[in-house]
PDB file of N, CA and C in Angstrom:
ATOM      1  N   UNK A   1      17.264 -77.970  15.348  1.00  0.00           N
ATOM      2  CA  UNK A   1      17.923 -77.156  14.377  1.00  0.00           C
ATOM      3  C   UNK A   1      16.937 -76.644  13.333  1.00  0.00           C
ATOM      4  N   UNK A   2      16.015 -77.533  12.972  1.00  0.00           N
ATOM      5  CA  UNK A   2      15.027 -77.148  12.010  1.00  0.00           C
ATOM      6  C   UNK A   2      14.105 -76.080  12.580  1.00  0.00           C
ATOM      7  N   UNK A   3      13.869 -76.137  13.879  1.00  0.00           N
ATOM      8  CA  UNK A   3      13.007 -75.174  14.531  1.00  0.00           C
ATOM      9  C   UNK A   3      13.586 -73.762  14.442  1.00  0.00           C
ATOM     10  N   UNK A   4      14.897 -73.629  14.644  1.00  0.00           N
ATOM     11  CA  UNK A   4      15.549 -72.317  14.562  1.00  0.00           C
ATOM     12  C   UNK A   4      15.508 -71.793  13.134  1.00  0.00           C
ATOM     13  N   UNK A   5      15.716 -72.655  12.185  1.00  0.00           N
ATOM     14  CA  UNK A   5      15.694 -72.250  10.786  1.00  0.00           C
ATOM     15  C   UNK A   5      14.286 -71.786  10.395  1.00  0.00           C
ATOM     16  N   UNK A   6      13.269 -72.506  10.869  1.00  0.00           N
ATOM     17  CA  UNK A   6      11.892 -72.133  10.573  1.00  0.00           C
ATOM     18  C   UNK A   6      11.548 -70.802  11.242  1.00  0.00           C
ATOM     19  N   UNK A   7      12.035 -70.595  12.455  1.00  0.00           N
ATOM     20  CA  UNK A   7      11.816 -69.345  13.168  1.00  0.00           C
ATOM     21  C   UNK A   7      12.503 -68.184  12.453  1.00  0.00           C
ATOM     22  N   UNK A   8      13.706 -68.409  11.955  1.00  0.00           N
ATOM     23  CA  UNK A   8      14.416 -67.373  11.205  1.00  0.00           C
ATOM     24  C   UNK A   8      13.658 -67.034   9.920  1.00  0.00           C
ATOM     25  N   UNK A   9      13.131 -68.054   9.242  1.00  0.00           N
ATOM     26  CA  UNK A   9      12.388 -67.817   8.008  1.00  0.00           C
ATOM     27  C   UNK A   9      11.114 -67.011   8.289  1.00  0.00           C
ATOM     28  N   UNK A  10      10.414 -67.371   9.363  1.00  0.00           N
ATOM     29  CA  UNK A  10       9.202 -66.632   9.722  1.00  0.00           C
ATOM     30  C   UNK A  10       9.526 -65.201  10.103  1.00  0.00           C
ATOM     31  N   UNK A  11      10.621 -65.037  10.831  1.00  0.00           N
ATOM     32  CA  UNK A  11      11.048 -63.698  11.240  1.00  0.00           C
ATOM     33  C   UNK A  11      11.426 -62.859  10.011  1.00  0.00           C
ATOM     34  N   UNK A  12      12.145 -63.478   9.090  1.00  0.00           N
ATOM     35  CA  UNK A  12      12.542 -62.787   7.863  1.00  0.00           C
ATOM     36  C   UNK A  12      11.312 -62.461   7.024  1.00  0.00           C
ATOM     37  N   UNK A  13      10.392 -63.399   6.928  1.00  0.00           N
ATOM     38  CA  UNK A  13       9.160 -63.165   6.176  1.00  0.00           C
ATOM     39  C   UNK A  13       8.341 -62.051   6.825  1.00  0.00           C
ATOM     40  N   UNK A  14       8.241 -62.055   8.142  1.00  0.00           N
ATOM     41  CA  UNK A  14       7.522 -61.002   8.862  1.00  0.00           C
ATOM     42  C   UNK A  14       8.164 -59.650   8.639  1.00  0.00           C
ATOM     43  N   UNK A  15       9.481 -59.604   8.679  1.00  0.00           N
ATOM     44  CA  UNK A  15      10.209 -58.359   8.441  1.00  0.00           C
ATOM     45  C   UNK A  15       9.951 -57.861   7.018  1.00  0.00           C
ATOM     46  N   UNK A  16       9.957 -58.735   6.079  1.00  0.00           N
ATOM     47  CA  UNK A  16       9.708 -58.352   4.685  1.00  0.00           C
ATOM     48  C   UNK A  16       8.278 -57.837   4.510  1.00  0.00           C
ATOM     49  N   UNK A  17       7.313 -58.497   5.124  1.00  0.00           N
ATOM     50  CA  UNK A  17       5.920 -58.073   5.017  1.00  0.00           C
ATOM     51  C   UNK A  17       5.746 -56.696   5.652  1.00  0.00           C
ATOM     52  N   UNK A  18       6.293 -56.508   6.858  1.00  0.00           N
ATOM     53  CA  UNK A  18       6.195 -55.214   7.535  1.00  0.00           C
ATOM     54  C   UNK A  18       6.905 -54.141   6.720  1.00  0.00           C
ATOM     55  N   UNK A  19       8.070 -54.453   6.177  1.00  0.00           N
ATOM     56  CA  UNK A  19       8.815 -53.497   5.347  1.00  0.00           C
ATOM     57  C   UNK A  19       8.010 -53.123   4.109  1.00  0.00           C
ATOM     58  N   UNK A  20       7.356 -54.097   3.493  1.00  0.00           N
ATOM     59  CA  UNK A  20       6.546 -53.837   2.312  1.00  0.00           C
ATOM     60  C   UNK A  20       5.397 -52.887   2.651  1.00  0.00           C
ATOM     61  N   UNK A  21       4.721 -53.164   3.772  1.00  0.00           N
ATOM     62  CA  UNK A  21       3.611 -52.298   4.163  1.00  0.00           C
ATOM     63  C   UNK A  21       4.073 -50.893   4.537  1.00  0.00           C
ATOM     64  N   UNK A  22       5.221 -50.772   5.153  1.00  0.00           N
ATOM     65  CA  UNK A  22       5.776 -49.446   5.471  1.00  0.00           C
ATOM     66  C   UNK A  22       6.095 -48.708   4.175  1.00  0.00           C
ATOM     67  N   UNK A  23       6.707 -49.395   3.240  1.00  0.00           N
ATOM     68  CA  UNK A  23       7.015 -48.790   1.945  1.00  0.00           C
ATOM     69  C   UNK A  23       5.730 -48.379   1.213  1.00  0.00           C
ATOM     70  N   UNK A  24       4.733 -49.233   1.245  1.00  0.00           N
ATOM     71  CA  UNK A  24       3.448 -48.931   0.621  1.00  0.00           C
ATOM     72  C   UNK A  24       2.802 -47.716   1.281  1.00  0.00           C
ATOM     73  N   UNK A  25       2.838 -47.657   2.603  1.00  0.00           N
ATOM     74  CA  UNK A  25       2.292 -46.520   3.329  1.00  0.00           C
ATOM     75  C   UNK A  25       3.056 -45.241   2.978  1.00  0.00           C
ATOM     76  N   UNK A  26       4.385 -45.333   2.894  1.00  0.00           N
ATOM     77  CA  UNK A  26       5.206 -44.174   2.530  1.00  0.00           C
ATOM     78  C   UNK A  26       4.820 -43.649   1.149  1.00  0.00           C
ATOM     79  N   UNK A  27       4.731 -44.540   0.154  1.00  0.00           N
ATOM     80  CA  UNK A  27       4.425 -44.112  -1.208  1.00  0.00           C
ATOM     81  C   UNK A  27       3.016 -43.528  -1.322  1.00  0.00           C
ATOM     82  N   UNK A  28       2.050 -44.151  -0.663  1.00  0.00           N
ATOM     83  CA  UNK A  28       0.690 -43.614  -0.746  1.00  0.00           C
ATOM     84  C   UNK A  28       0.621 -42.249  -0.069  1.00  0.00           C
ATOM     85  N   UNK A  29       1.298 -42.076   1.051  1.00  0.00           N
ATOM     86  CA  UNK A  29       1.335 -40.775   1.723  1.00  0.00           C
ATOM     87  C   UNK A  29       2.021 -39.741   0.843  1.00  0.00           C
ATOM     88  N   UNK A  30       3.118 -40.121   0.225  1.00  0.00           N
ATOM     89  CA  UNK A  30       3.856 -39.210  -0.656  1.00  0.00           C
ATOM     90  C   UNK A  30       2.966 -38.715  -1.793  1.00  0.00           C
ATOM     91  N   UNK A  31       2.257 -39.623  -2.447  1.00  0.00           N
ATOM     92  CA  UNK A  31       1.424 -39.225  -3.576  1.00  0.00           C
ATOM     93  C   UNK A  31       0.200 -38.435  -3.134  1.00  0.00           C
ATOM     94  N   UNK A  32      -0.332 -38.730  -1.964  1.00  0.00           N
ATOM     95  CA  UNK A  32      -1.452 -37.935  -1.452  1.00  0.00           C
ATOM     96  C   UNK A  32      -1.001 -36.508  -1.162  1.00  0.00           C
ATOM     97  N   UNK A  33       0.163 -36.353  -0.555  1.00  0.00           N
ATOM     98  CA  UNK A  33       0.696 -35.011  -0.275  1.00  0.00           C
ATOM     99  C   UNK A  33       0.967 -34.277  -1.580  1.00  0.00           C
ATOM    100  N   UNK A  34       1.514 -34.960  -2.562  1.00  0.00           N
ATOM    101  CA  UNK A  34       1.784 -34.338  -3.869  1.00  0.00           C
ATOM    102  C   UNK A  34       0.483 -33.880  -4.521  1.00  0.00           C
ATOM    103  N   UNK A  35      -0.572 -34.684  -4.427  1.00  0.00           N
ATOM    104  CA  UNK A  35      -1.859 -34.317  -4.997  1.00  0.00           C
ATOM    105  C   UNK A  35      -2.453 -33.105  -4.278  1.00  0.00           C
ATOM    106  N   UNK A  36      -2.340 -33.073  -2.958  1.00  0.00           N
ATOM    107  CA  UNK A  36      -2.833 -31.932  -2.183  1.00  0.00           C
ATOM    108  C   UNK A  36      -2.082 -30.662  -2.570  1.00  0.00           C
ATOM    109  N   UNK A  37      -0.769 -30.752  -2.689  1.00  0.00           N
ATOM    110  CA  UNK A  37       0.041 -29.592  -3.083  1.00  0.00           C
ATOM    111  C   UNK A  37      -0.318 -29.126  -4.482  1.00  0.00           C
ATOM    112  N   UNK A  38      -0.552 -30.063  -5.379  1.00  0.00           N
ATOM    113  CA  UNK A  38      -0.926 -29.701  -6.748  1.00  0.00           C
ATOM    114  C   UNK A  38      -2.261 -28.962  -6.761  1.00  0.00           C
ATOM    115  N   UNK A  39      -3.229 -29.447  -5.986  1.00  0.00           N
ATOM    116  CA  UNK A  39      -4.520 -28.763  -5.906  1.00  0.00           C
ATOM    117  C   UNK A  39      -4.360 -27.357  -5.334  1.00  0.00           C
ATOM    118  N   UNK A  40      -3.523 -27.209  -4.318  1.00  0.00           N
ATOM    119  CA  UNK A  40      -3.281 -25.880  -3.735  1.00  0.00           C
ATOM    120  C   UNK A  40      -2.660 -24.945  -4.763  1.00  0.00           C
ATOM    121  N   UNK A  41      -1.701 -25.457  -5.525  1.00  0.00           N
ATOM    122  CA  UNK A  41      -1.050 -24.629  -6.541  1.00  0.00           C
ATOM    123  C   UNK A  41      -2.056 -24.183  -7.602  1.00  0.00           C
ATOM    124  N   UNK A  42      -2.901 -25.112  -8.057  1.00  0.00           N
ATOM    125  CA  UNK A  42      -3.907 -24.749  -9.053  1.00  0.00           C
ATOM    126  C   UNK A  42      -4.890 -23.724  -8.493  1.00  0.00           C
ATOM    127  N   UNK A  43      -5.250 -23.879  -7.231  1.00  0.00           N
ATOM    128  CA  UNK A  43      -6.174 -22.931  -6.623  1.00  0.00           C
ATOM    129  C   UNK A  43      -5.545 -21.547  -6.535  1.00  0.00           C
ATOM    130  N   UNK A  44      -4.283 -21.462  -6.105  1.00  0.00           N
ATOM    131  CA  UNK A  44      -3.594 -20.172  -6.036  1.00  0.00           C
ATOM    132  C   UNK A  44      -3.446 -19.553  -7.421  1.00  0.00           C
ATOM    133  N   UNK A  45      -3.138 -20.390  -8.409  1.00  0.00           N
ATOM    134  CA  UNK A  45      -2.996 -19.890  -9.776  1.00  0.00           C
ATOM    135  C   UNK A  45      -4.342 -19.367 -10.281  1.00  0.00           C
ATOM    136  N   UNK A  46      -5.418 -20.081  -9.999  1.00  0.00           N
ATOM    137  CA  UNK A  46      -6.747 -19.639 -10.413  1.00  0.00           C
ATOM    138  C   UNK A  46      -7.110 -18.316  -9.740  1.00  0.00           C
ATOM    139  N   UNK A  47      -6.793 -18.186  -8.457  1.00  0.00           N
ATOM    140  CA  UNK A  47      -7.075 -16.936  -7.753  1.00  0.00           C
ATOM    141  C   UNK A  47      -6.279 -15.781  -8.364  1.00  0.00           C
ATOM    142  N   UNK A  48      -5.017 -16.047  -8.701  1.00  0.00           N
ATOM    143  CA  UNK A  48      -4.191 -15.017  -9.333  1.00  0.00           C
ATOM    144  C   UNK A  48      -4.728 -14.601 -10.685  1.00  0.00           C
ATOM    145  N   UNK A  49      -5.140 -15.572 -11.481  1.00  0.00           N
ATOM    146  CA  UNK A  49      -5.694 -15.272 -12.805  1.00  0.00           C
ATOM    147  C   UNK A  49      -6.982 -14.471 -12.665  1.00  0.00           C
ATOM    148  N   UNK A  50      -7.832 -14.870 -11.719  1.00  0.00           N
ATOM    149  CA  UNK A  50      -9.081 -14.133 -11.517  1.00  0.00           C
ATOM    150  C   UNK A  50      -8.812 -12.698 -11.077  1.00  0.00           C
ATOM    151  N   UNK A  51      -7.809 -12.494 -10.236  1.00  0.00           N
ATOM    152  CA  UNK A  51      -7.445 -11.140  -9.806  1.00  0.00           C
ATOM    153  C   UNK A  51      -6.974 -10.309 -10.993  1.00  0.00           C
ATOM    154  N   UNK A  52      -6.142 -10.898 -11.837  1.00  0.00           N
ATOM    155  CA  UNK A  52      -5.649 -10.181 -13.022  1.00  0.00           C
ATOM    156  C   UNK A  52      -6.797  -9.853 -13.966  1.00  0.00           C
ATOM    157  N   UNK A  53      -7.706 -10.797 -14.159  1.00  0.00           N
ATOM    158  CA  UNK A  53      -8.863 -10.556 -15.032  1.00  0.00           C
ATOM    159  C   UNK A  53      -9.684  -9.395 -14.498  1.00  0.00           C
ATOM    160  N   UNK A  54      -9.932  -9.383 -13.194  1.00  0.00           N
ATOM    161  CA  UNK A  54     -10.713  -8.298 -12.598  1.00  0.00           C
ATOM    162  C   UNK A  54     -10.017  -6.953 -12.783  1.00  0.00           C
ATOM    163  N   UNK A  55      -8.685  -6.939 -12.606  1.00  0.00           N
ATOM    164  CA  UNK A  55      -7.938  -5.691 -12.780  1.00  0.00           C
ATOM    165  C   UNK A  55      -8.007  -5.204 -14.225  1.00  0.00           C
ATOM    166  N   UNK A  56      -7.829  -6.111 -15.179  1.00  0.00           N
ATOM    167  CA  UNK A  56      -7.853  -5.729 -16.593  1.00  0.00           C
ATOM    168  C   UNK A  56      -9.238  -5.220 -16.977  1.00  0.00           C
ATOM    169  N   UNK A  57     -10.275  -5.920 -16.555  1.00  0.00           N
ATOM    170  CA  UNK A  57     -11.635  -5.484 -16.871  1.00  0.00           C
ATOM    171  C   UNK A  57     -11.909  -4.121 -16.256  1.00  0.00           C
ATOM    172  N   UNK A  58     -11.457  -3.930 -15.022  1.00  0.00           N
ATOM    173  CA  UNK A  58     -11.646  -2.637 -14.358  1.00  0.00           C
ATOM    174  C   UNK A  58     -10.930  -1.520 -15.113  1.00  0.00           C
ATOM    175  N   UNK A  59      -9.690  -1.780 -15.550  1.00  0.00           N
ATOM    176  CA  UNK A  59      -8.947  -0.767 -16.304  1.00  0.00           C
ATOM    177  C   UNK A  59      -9.603  -0.478 -17.650  1.00  0.00           C
ATOM    178  N   UNK A  60     -10.096  -1.519 -18.307  1.00  0.00           N
ATOM    179  CA  UNK A  60     -10.769  -1.308 -19.589  1.00  0.00           C
ATOM    180  C   UNK A  60     -12.041  -0.478 -19.421  1.00  0.00           C
ATOM    181  N   UNK A  61     -12.798  -0.754 -18.376  1.00  0.00           N
ATOM    182  CA  UNK A  61     -14.011   0.030 -18.130  1.00  0.00           C
ATOM    183  C   UNK A  61     -13.659   1.480 -17.829  1.00  0.00           C
ATOM    184  N   UNK A  62     -12.620   1.681 -17.017  1.00  0.00           N
ATOM    185  CA  UNK A  62     -12.202   3.041 -16.679  1.00  0.00           C
ATOM    186  C   UNK A  62     -11.711   3.772 -17.918  1.00  0.00           C
ATOM    187  N   UNK A  63     -10.909   3.110 -18.733  1.00  0.00           N
ATOM    188  CA  UNK A  63     -10.418   3.727 -19.968  1.00  0.00           C
ATOM    189  C   UNK A  63     -11.572   4.051 -20.915  1.00  0.00           C
ATOM    190  N   UNK A  64     -12.535   3.158 -20.988  1.00  0.00           N
ATOM    191  CA  UNK A  64     -13.699   3.406 -21.837  1.00  0.00           C
ATOM    192  C   UNK A  64     -14.469   4.637 -21.362  1.00  0.00           C
ATOM    193  N   UNK A  65     -14.596   4.768 -20.051  1.00  0.00           N
ATOM    194  CA  UNK A  65     -15.275   5.937 -19.486  1.00  0.00           C
ATOM    195  C   UNK A  65     -14.519   7.219 -19.816  1.00  0.00           C
ATOM    196  N   UNK A  66     -13.197   7.177 -19.679  1.00  0.00           N
ATOM    197  CA  UNK A  66     -12.371   8.362 -19.989  1.00  0.00           C
ATOM    198  C   UNK A  66     -12.500   8.717 -21.466  1.00  0.00           C
ATOM    199  N   UNK A  67     -12.442   7.713 -22.333  1.00  0.00           N
ATOM    200  CA  UNK A  67     -12.551   7.986 -23.773  1.00  0.00           C
ATOM    201  C   UNK A  67     -13.932   8.542 -24.138  1.00  0.00           C
ATOM    202  N   UNK A  68     -14.968   7.980 -23.534  1.00  0.00           N
ATOM    203  CA  UNK A  68     -16.314   8.495 -23.810  1.00  0.00           C
ATOM    204  C   UNK A  68     -16.468   9.930 -23.318  1.00  0.00           C
ATOM    205  N   UNK A  69     -15.925  10.216 -22.151  1.00  0.00           N
ATOM    206  CA  UNK A  69     -15.998  11.590 -21.630  1.00  0.00           C
ATOM    207  C   UNK A  69     -15.219  12.543 -22.524  1.00  0.00           C
ATOM    208  N   UNK A  70     -14.046  12.121 -22.980  1.00  0.00           N
ATOM    209  CA  UNK A  70     -13.242  12.953 -23.875  1.00  0.00           C
ATOM    210  C   UNK A  70     -13.989  13.193 -25.189  1.00  0.00           C
ATOM    211  N   UNK A  71     -14.608  12.148 -25.710  1.00  0.00           N
ATOM    212  CA  UNK A  71     -15.384  12.303 -26.956  1.00  0.00           C
ATOM    213  C   UNK A  71     -16.555  13.245 -26.753  1.00  0.00           C
ATOM    214  N   UNK A  72     -17.219  13.149 -25.615  1.00  0.00           N
ATOM    215  CA  UNK A  72     -18.332  14.067 -25.330  1.00  0.00           C
ATOM    216  C   UNK A  72     -17.853  15.505 -25.243  1.00  0.00           C
ATOM    217  N   UNK A  73     -16.727  15.708 -24.567  1.00  0.00           N
ATOM    218  CA  UNK A  73     -16.185  17.067 -24.434  1.00  0.00           C
ATOM    219  C   UNK A  73     -15.818  17.629 -25.801  1.00  0.00           C
ATOM    220  N   UNK A  74     -15.139  16.801 -26.593  1.00  0.00           N
ATOM    221  CA  UNK A  74     -14.741  17.269 -27.926  1.00  0.00           C
ATOM    222  C   UNK A  74     -15.961  17.495 -28.816  1.00  0.00           C
ATOM    223  N   UNK A  75     -16.935  16.589 -28.723  1.00  0.00           N
ATOM    224  CA  UNK A  75     -18.126  16.726 -29.554  1.00  0.00           C
ATOM    225  C   UNK A  75     -18.960  17.941 -29.178  1.00  0.00           C
ATOM    226  N   UNK A  76     -19.055  18.239 -27.898  1.00  0.00           N
ATOM    227  CA  UNK A  76     -19.855  19.378 -27.449  1.00  0.00           C
ATOM    228  C   UNK A  76     -19.155  20.713 -27.690  1.00  0.00           C
ATOM    229  N   UNK A  77     -17.812  20.683 -27.748  1.00  0.00           N
ATOM    230  CA  UNK A  77     -17.103  21.948 -27.966  1.00  0.00           C
ATOM    231  C   UNK A  77     -17.245  22.410 -29.409  1.00  0.00           C
ATOM    232  N   UNK A  78     -17.316  21.474 -30.334  1.00  0.00           N
ATOM    233  CA  UNK A  78     -17.462  21.823 -31.737  1.00  0.00           C
ATOM    234  C   UNK A  78     -16.181  22.343 -32.362  1.00  0.00           C
ATOM    235  N   UNK A  79     -15.147  22.522 -31.570  1.00  0.00           N
ATOM    236  CA  UNK A  79     -13.862  23.018 -32.077  1.00  0.00           C
ATOM    237  C   UNK A  79     -12.955  21.810 -32.340  1.00  0.00           C
ATOM    238  N   UNK A  80     -12.749  21.504 -33.609  1.00  0.00           N
ATOM    239  CA  UNK A  80     -11.955  20.344 -33.970  1.00  0.00           C
ATOM    240  C   UNK A  80     -10.607  20.735 -34.559  1.00  0.00           C
ATOM    241  N   UNK A  81     -10.077  21.837 -34.120  1.00  0.00           N
ATOM    242  CA  UNK A  81      -8.748  22.226 -34.597  1.00  0.00           C
ATOM    243  C   UNK A  81      -7.714  21.295 -33.960  1.00  0.00           C
ATOM    244  N   UNK A  82      -6.588  21.160 -34.642  1.00  0.00           N
ATOM    245  CA  UNK A  82      -5.542  20.263 -34.160  1.00  0.00           C
ATOM    246  C   UNK A  82      -5.069  20.649 -32.762  1.00  0.00           C
ATOM    247  N   UNK A  83      -4.996  21.952 -32.498  1.00  0.00           N
ATOM    248  CA  UNK A  83      -4.514  22.411 -31.194  1.00  0.00           C
ATOM    249  C   UNK A  83      -5.484  22.022 -30.074  1.00  0.00           C
ATOM    250  N   UNK A  84      -6.777  22.192 -30.320  1.00  0.00           N
ATOM    251  CA  UNK A  84      -7.787  21.844 -29.307  1.00  0.00           C
ATOM    252  C   UNK A  84      -7.807  20.340 -29.061  1.00  0.00           C
ATOM    253  N   UNK A  85      -7.745  19.584 -30.147  1.00  0.00           N
ATOM    254  CA  UNK A  85      -7.731  18.126 -30.008  1.00  0.00           C
ATOM    255  C   UNK A  85      -6.499  17.663 -29.244  1.00  0.00           C
ATOM    256  N   UNK A  86      -5.344  18.226 -29.606  1.00  0.00           N
ATOM    257  CA  UNK A  86      -4.105  17.851 -28.936  1.00  0.00           C
ATOM    258  C   UNK A  86      -4.170  18.188 -27.451  1.00  0.00           C
ATOM    259  N   UNK A  87      -4.687  19.338 -27.125  1.00  0.00           N
ATOM    260  CA  UNK A  87      -4.791  19.766 -25.727  1.00  0.00           C
ATOM    261  C   UNK A  87      -5.689  18.813 -24.925  1.00  0.00           C
ATOM    262  N   UNK A  88      -6.849  18.477 -25.484  1.00  0.00           N
ATOM    263  CA  UNK A  88      -7.762  17.561 -24.798  1.00  0.00           C
ATOM    264  C   UNK A  88      -7.189  16.143 -24.693  1.00  0.00           C
ATOM    265  N   UNK A  89      -6.506  15.716 -25.740  1.00  0.00           N
ATOM    266  CA  UNK A  89      -5.917  14.376 -25.704  1.00  0.00           C
ATOM    267  C   UNK A  89      -4.774  14.300 -24.691  1.00  0.00           C
ATOM    268  N   UNK A  90      -4.007  15.377 -24.563  1.00  0.00           N
ATOM    269  CA  UNK A  90      -2.920  15.391 -23.572  1.00  0.00           C
ATOM    270  C   UNK A  90      -3.459  15.324 -22.148  1.00  0.00           C
ATOM    271  N   UNK A  91      -4.660  15.843 -21.958  1.00  0.00           N
ATOM    272  CA  UNK A  91      -5.286  15.759 -20.632  1.00  0.00           C
ATOM    273  C   UNK A  91      -5.753  14.326 -20.365  1.00  0.00           C
ATOM    274  N   UNK A  92      -6.348  13.700 -21.365  1.00  0.00           N
ATOM    275  CA  UNK A  92      -6.929  12.373 -21.170  1.00  0.00           C
ATOM    276  C   UNK A  92      -5.896  11.246 -21.235  1.00  0.00           C
ATOM    277  N   UNK A  93      -4.857  11.398 -22.033  1.00  0.00           N
ATOM    278  CA  UNK A  93      -3.894  10.313 -22.266  1.00  0.00           C
ATOM    279  C   UNK A  93      -3.257   9.775 -20.982  1.00  0.00           C
ATOM    280  N   UNK A  94      -2.834  10.607 -20.022  1.00  0.00           N
ATOM    281  CA  UNK A  94      -2.230  10.041 -18.806  1.00  0.00           C
ATOM    282  C   UNK A  94      -3.213   9.241 -17.948  1.00  0.00           C
ATOM    283  N   UNK A  95      -4.494   9.424 -18.169  1.00  0.00           N
ATOM    284  CA  UNK A  95      -5.497   8.705 -17.378  1.00  0.00           C
ATOM    285  C   UNK A  95      -5.754   7.296 -17.906  1.00  0.00           C
ATOM    286  N   UNK A  96      -5.253   7.009 -19.089  1.00  0.00           N
ATOM    287  CA  UNK A  96      -5.511   5.715 -19.730  1.00  0.00           C
ATOM    288  C   UNK A  96      -4.413   4.706 -19.398  1.00  0.00           C
ATOM    289  N   UNK A  97      -4.842   3.471 -19.123  1.00  0.00           N
ATOM    290  CA  UNK A  97      -3.889   2.404 -18.845  1.00  0.00           C
ATOM    291  C   UNK A  97      -3.746   1.429 -20.009  1.00  0.00           C
ATOM    292  N   UNK A  98      -4.830   1.181 -20.722  1.00  0.00           N
ATOM    293  CA  UNK A  98      -4.820   0.124 -21.728  1.00  0.00           C
ATOM    294  C   UNK A  98      -5.084   0.614 -23.149  1.00  0.00           C
ATOM    295  N   UNK A  99      -5.445   1.862 -23.311  1.00  0.00           N
ATOM    296  CA  UNK A  99      -5.802   2.369 -24.639  1.00  0.00           C
ATOM    297  C   UNK A  99      -5.012   3.633 -24.961  1.00  0.00           C
ATOM    298  N   UNK A 100      -4.972   3.936 -26.249  1.00  0.00           N
ATOM    299  CA  UNK A 100      -4.338   5.173 -26.704  1.00  0.00           C
ATOM    300  C   UNK A 100      -5.381   6.008 -27.426  1.00  0.00           C
ATOM    301  N   UNK A 101      -5.165   7.303 -27.404  1.00  0.00           N
ATOM    302  CA  UNK A 101      -6.094   8.206 -28.088  1.00  0.00           C
ATOM    303  C   UNK A 101      -5.485   8.623 -29.419  1.00  0.00           C
ATOM    304  N   UNK A 102      -6.294   8.466 -30.460  1.00  0.00           N
ATOM    305  CA  UNK A 102      -5.960   8.976 -31.786  1.00  0.00           C
ATOM    306  C   UNK A 102      -7.264   9.447 -32.408  1.00  0.00           C
ATOM    307  N   UNK A 103      -7.200  10.536 -33.138  1.00  0.00           N
ATOM    308  CA  UNK A 103      -8.412  11.061 -33.776  1.00  0.00           C
ATOM    309  C   UNK A 103      -8.196  11.065 -35.281  1.00  0.00           C
ATOM    310  N   UNK A 104      -9.111  10.411 -35.985  1.00  0.00           N
ATOM    311  CA  UNK A 104      -9.075  10.416 -37.446  1.00  0.00           C
ATOM    312  C   UNK A 104      -9.900  11.604 -37.920  1.00  0.00           C
ATOM    313  N   UNK A 105      -9.244  12.489 -38.600  1.00  0.00           N
ATOM    314  CA  UNK A 105      -9.879  13.716 -39.079  1.00  0.00           C
ATOM    315  C   UNK A 105     -10.498  13.484 -40.460  1.00  0.00           C
ATOM    316  N   UNK A 106     -11.448  14.319 -40.854  1.00  0.00           N
ATOM    317  CA  UNK A 106     -12.103  14.176 -42.167  1.00  0.00           C
ATOM    318  C   UNK A 106     -11.121  14.278 -43.336  1.00  0.00           C
ATOM    319  N   UNK A 107     -10.004  14.955 -43.153  1.00  0.00           N
ATOM    320  CA  UNK A 107      -9.034  15.087 -44.254  1.00  0.00           C
ATOM    321  C   UNK A 107      -8.025  13.937 -44.276  1.00  0.00           C
ATOM    322  N   UNK A 108      -8.376  12.803 -43.665  1.00  0.00           N
ATOM    323  CA  UNK A 108      -7.549  11.584 -43.631  1.00  0.00           C
ATOM    324  C   UNK A 108      -6.209  11.784 -42.936  1.00  0.00           C
ATOM    325  N   UNK A 109      -6.194  12.564 -41.903  1.00  0.00           N
ATOM    326  CA  UNK A 109      -5.013  12.667 -41.053  1.00  0.00           C
ATOM    327  C   UNK A 109      -5.380  12.134 -39.672  1.00  0.00           C
ATOM    328  N   UNK A 110      -4.392  11.603 -39.006  1.00  0.00           N
ATOM    329  CA  UNK A 110      -4.591  11.081 -37.650  1.00  0.00           C
ATOM    330  C   UNK A 110      -3.797  11.959 -36.696  1.00  0.00           C
ATOM    331  N   UNK A 111      -4.470  12.480 -35.701  1.00  0.00           N
ATOM    332  CA  UNK A 111      -3.809  13.284 -34.673  1.00  0.00           C
ATOM    333  C   UNK A 111      -3.640  12.391 -33.449  1.00  0.00           C
ATOM    334  N   UNK A 112      -2.400  12.266 -32.996  1.00  0.00           N
ATOM    335  CA  UNK A 112      -2.111  11.433 -31.831  1.00  0.00           C
ATOM    336  C   UNK A 112      -2.028  12.301 -30.588  1.00  0.00           C
ATOM    337  N   UNK A 113      -2.041  11.650 -29.426  1.00  0.00           N
ATOM    338  CA  UNK A 113      -2.047  12.378 -28.153  1.00  0.00           C
ATOM    339  C   UNK A 113      -0.781  13.196 -27.953  1.00  0.00           C
ATOM    340  N   UNK A 114       0.312  12.773 -28.575  1.00  0.00           N
ATOM    341  CA  UNK A 114       1.552  13.540 -28.421  1.00  0.00           C
ATOM    342  C   UNK A 114       1.661  14.690 -29.405  1.00  0.00           C
ATOM    343  N   UNK A 115       0.626  14.885 -30.230  1.00  0.00           N
ATOM    344  CA  UNK A 115       0.600  15.995 -31.172  1.00  0.00           C
ATOM    345  C   UNK A 115       1.066  15.654 -32.554  1.00  0.00           C
ATOM    346  N   UNK A 116       1.597  14.451 -32.750  1.00  0.00           N
ATOM    347  CA  UNK A 116       2.033  14.046 -34.079  1.00  0.00           C
ATOM    348  C   UNK A 116       0.843  13.877 -35.001  1.00  0.00           C
ATOM    349  N   UNK A 117       1.000  14.324 -36.211  1.00  0.00           N
ATOM    350  CA  UNK A 117      -0.042  14.189 -37.226  1.00  0.00           C
ATOM    351  C   UNK A 117       0.477  13.227 -38.281  1.00  0.00           C
ATOM    352  N   UNK A 118      -0.327  12.195 -38.576  1.00  0.00           N
ATOM    353  CA  UNK A 118       0.055  11.164 -39.534  1.00  0.00           C
ATOM    354  C   UNK A 118      -0.956  11.167 -40.673  1.00  0.00           C
ATOM    355  N   UNK A 119      -0.458  11.011 -41.889  1.00  0.00           N
ATOM    356  CA  UNK A 119      -1.345  10.950 -43.038  1.00  0.00           C
ATOM    357  C   UNK A 119      -1.912   9.530 -43.116  1.00  0.00           C
ATOM    358  N   UNK A 120      -3.229   9.419 -43.157  1.00  0.00           N
ATOM    359  CA  UNK A 120      -3.886   8.113 -43.203  1.00  0.00           C
ATOM    360  C   UNK A 120      -4.620   7.908 -44.521  1.00  0.00           C
ATOM    361  N   UNK A 121      -4.201   8.620 -45.527  1.00  0.00           N
ATOM    362  CA  UNK A 121      -4.859   8.498 -46.827  1.00  0.00           C
ATOM    363  C   UNK A 121      -4.735   7.078 -47.334  1.00  0.00           C
ATOM    364  N   UNK A 122      -5.824   6.556 -47.845  1.00  0.00           N
ATOM    365  CA  UNK A 122      -5.820   5.229 -48.408  1.00  0.00           C
ATOM    366  C   UNK A 122      -6.126   4.198 -47.369  1.00  0.00           C
TER     367      UNK A 122
END
């Protein structure tokens, strides 16, 4: 009788040990998969951020080129009347993604690309 009881105890102990190791294996696998997924997410996020940075820098460079070309055209024409400035700004404004064109005139007025004139005195 004692032999059967001892066998049952060993069997129960073996089952508990195997169950513990299975549970341990499950948890370690779960956390390893979670860590791998987290690294993948960070990598995708980093790639997305780098893509956005490249796009923004590219747009800023392009806008800077457009503004410099517009300034050269206006500077070489020598005609700084409001109508000429407005006409040139209306041509350049649709080409800009990140910047706006405004011209500060010597008489402290600001001419915007849409033709509005604002007093900037002071």
